[in-house]
Amino acid sequence: MHIFGAKIVKTRKPHRCYGCLRRFPAGAQLNRVTGTDGGQAWSAYWCKVCDTIFQESGLHGDDICAGEMKTGDPDAWEGVRRRVEAMREDVGE
């Protein structure tokens, strides 16, 4: 897997966060990560909660399956969600 880049973007259409699979409306600010794996280009969107957990944990991108940030340790995820989203307006469903 090769990561080309990551950038916080304001989305033009609804997206799901790769880490927790929550839905976010158009206009949400998400971290868009792009790369290649086995010759296939891909992109994924990460919400601030999952991005924070990812950065703080030291995990590698290929260590995480879709939705696993939330299902792996729901209590820890919820604690980070409360901390991060207390400072944000654009939250998912």
Protein backbone atom coordinates (compact mmCIF):
# COMPACT_ATOMS: atom_id res chain seq x y z
CA MET A 1 0.00 0.00 0.00
CA HIS A 2 1.25 3.44 -0.91
CA ILE A 3 -0.33 6.62 0.47
CA PHE A 4 -0.21 9.62 -1.88
CA GLY A 5 -1.58 12.12 0.56
CA ALA A 6 -4.11 13.22 3.10
CA LYS A 7 -5.98 16.47 3.18
CA ILE A 8 -8.87 17.94 5.16
CA VAL A 9 -11.61 18.70 2.64
CA LYS A 10 -15.10 20.14 2.73
CA THR A 11 -17.12 17.44 0.97
CA ARG A 12 -19.38 18.20 -1.97
CA LYS A 13 -21.57 15.15 -1.42
CA PRO A 14 -22.40 12.80 1.48
CA HIS A 15 -19.71 10.31 2.55
CA ARG A 16 -19.14 7.59 5.13
CA CYS A 17 -16.17 7.66 7.42
CA TYR A 18 -13.96 4.63 6.75
CA GLY A 19 -13.08 4.26 10.43
CA CYS A 20 -16.57 4.22 11.96
CA LEU A 21 -18.92 4.05 8.93
CA ARG A 22 -20.97 7.01 10.15
CA ARG A 23 -22.66 9.07 7.42
CA PHE A 24 -21.68 12.69 6.96
CA PRO A 25 -23.65 15.20 4.89
CA ALA A 26 -22.33 17.28 2.03
CA GLY A 27 -20.32 20.16 3.43
CA ALA A 28 -18.73 18.15 6.25
CA GLN A 29 -15.00 18.50 6.84
CA LEU A 30 -13.34 15.09 6.54
CA ASN A 31 -9.78 13.90 6.04
CA ARG A 32 -9.53 12.47 2.49
CA VAL A 33 -6.72 9.95 2.18
CA THR A 34 -5.65 8.73 -1.28
CA GLY A 35 -3.29 5.99 -2.33
CA THR A 36 -2.74 2.80 -4.27
CA ASP A 37 -2.77 -0.86 -3.30
CA GLY A 38 -1.84 -3.59 -5.73
CA GLY A 39 -2.06 -1.18 -8.65
CA GLN A 40 -5.56 0.02 -7.68
CA ALA A 41 -6.12 3.67 -6.78
CA TRP A 42 -8.37 4.35 -3.80
CA SER A 43 -9.55 7.12 -1.53
CA ALA A 44 -11.14 7.04 1.89
CA TYR A 45 -12.69 9.64 4.12
CA TRP A 46 -11.99 9.82 7.86
CA CYS A 47 -13.97 11.84 10.39
CA LYS A 48 -12.12 13.87 13.00
CA VAL A 49 -12.91 11.30 15.71
CA CYS A 50 -11.42 8.35 13.82
CA ASP A 51 -8.54 10.44 12.51
CA THR A 52 -7.71 11.50 16.08
CA ILE A 53 -7.78 7.90 17.32
CA PHE A 54 -5.67 6.80 14.34
CA GLN A 55 -3.06 9.51 14.99
CA GLU A 56 -2.94 8.90 18.75
CA SER A 57 -2.74 5.09 18.45
CA GLY A 58 0.18 4.83 16.04
CA LEU A 59 -1.68 2.27 13.91
CA HIS A 60 -0.92 1.76 10.23
CA GLY A 61 -3.63 2.12 7.58
CA ASP A 62 -3.44 -1.51 6.50
CA ASP A 63 -4.11 -2.58 10.12
CA ILE A 64 -7.69 -1.27 10.06
CA CYS A 65 -10.81 -2.62 8.37
CA ALA A 66 -13.83 -0.46 7.52
CA GLY A 67 -15.77 0.42 10.67
CA GLU A 68 -13.19 -1.07 13.01
CA MET A 69 -12.24 2.18 14.74
CA LYS A 70 -15.69 2.19 16.36
CA THR A 71 -16.29 -1.54 16.79
CA GLY A 72 -12.78 -2.41 18.02
CA ASP A 73 -13.16 -0.54 21.34
CA PRO A 74 -16.58 1.17 21.45
CA ASP A 75 -16.04 2.73 24.89
CA ALA A 76 -12.72 4.33 23.95
CA TRP A 77 -14.18 5.50 20.61
CA GLU A 78 -17.14 7.08 22.41
CA GLY A 79 -14.82 8.91 24.80
CA VAL A 80 -12.80 10.38 21.93
CA ARG A 81 -16.01 11.24 20.06
CA ARG A 82 -17.29 13.24 23.01
CA ARG A 83 -13.98 15.06 23.39
CA VAL A 84 -13.57 15.87 19.68
CA GLU A 85 -17.16 16.62 18.74
CA ALA A 86 -17.61 18.98 21.69
CA MET A 87 -15.44 21.31 19.60
CA ARG A 88 -17.11 20.64 16.22
CA GLU A 89 -20.36 21.43 14.48
CA ASP A 90 -20.38 18.84 11.65
CA VAL A 91 -21.16 15.49 13.26
CA GLY A 92 -22.35 12.30 11.62
CA GLU A 93 -25.46 10.22 12.22
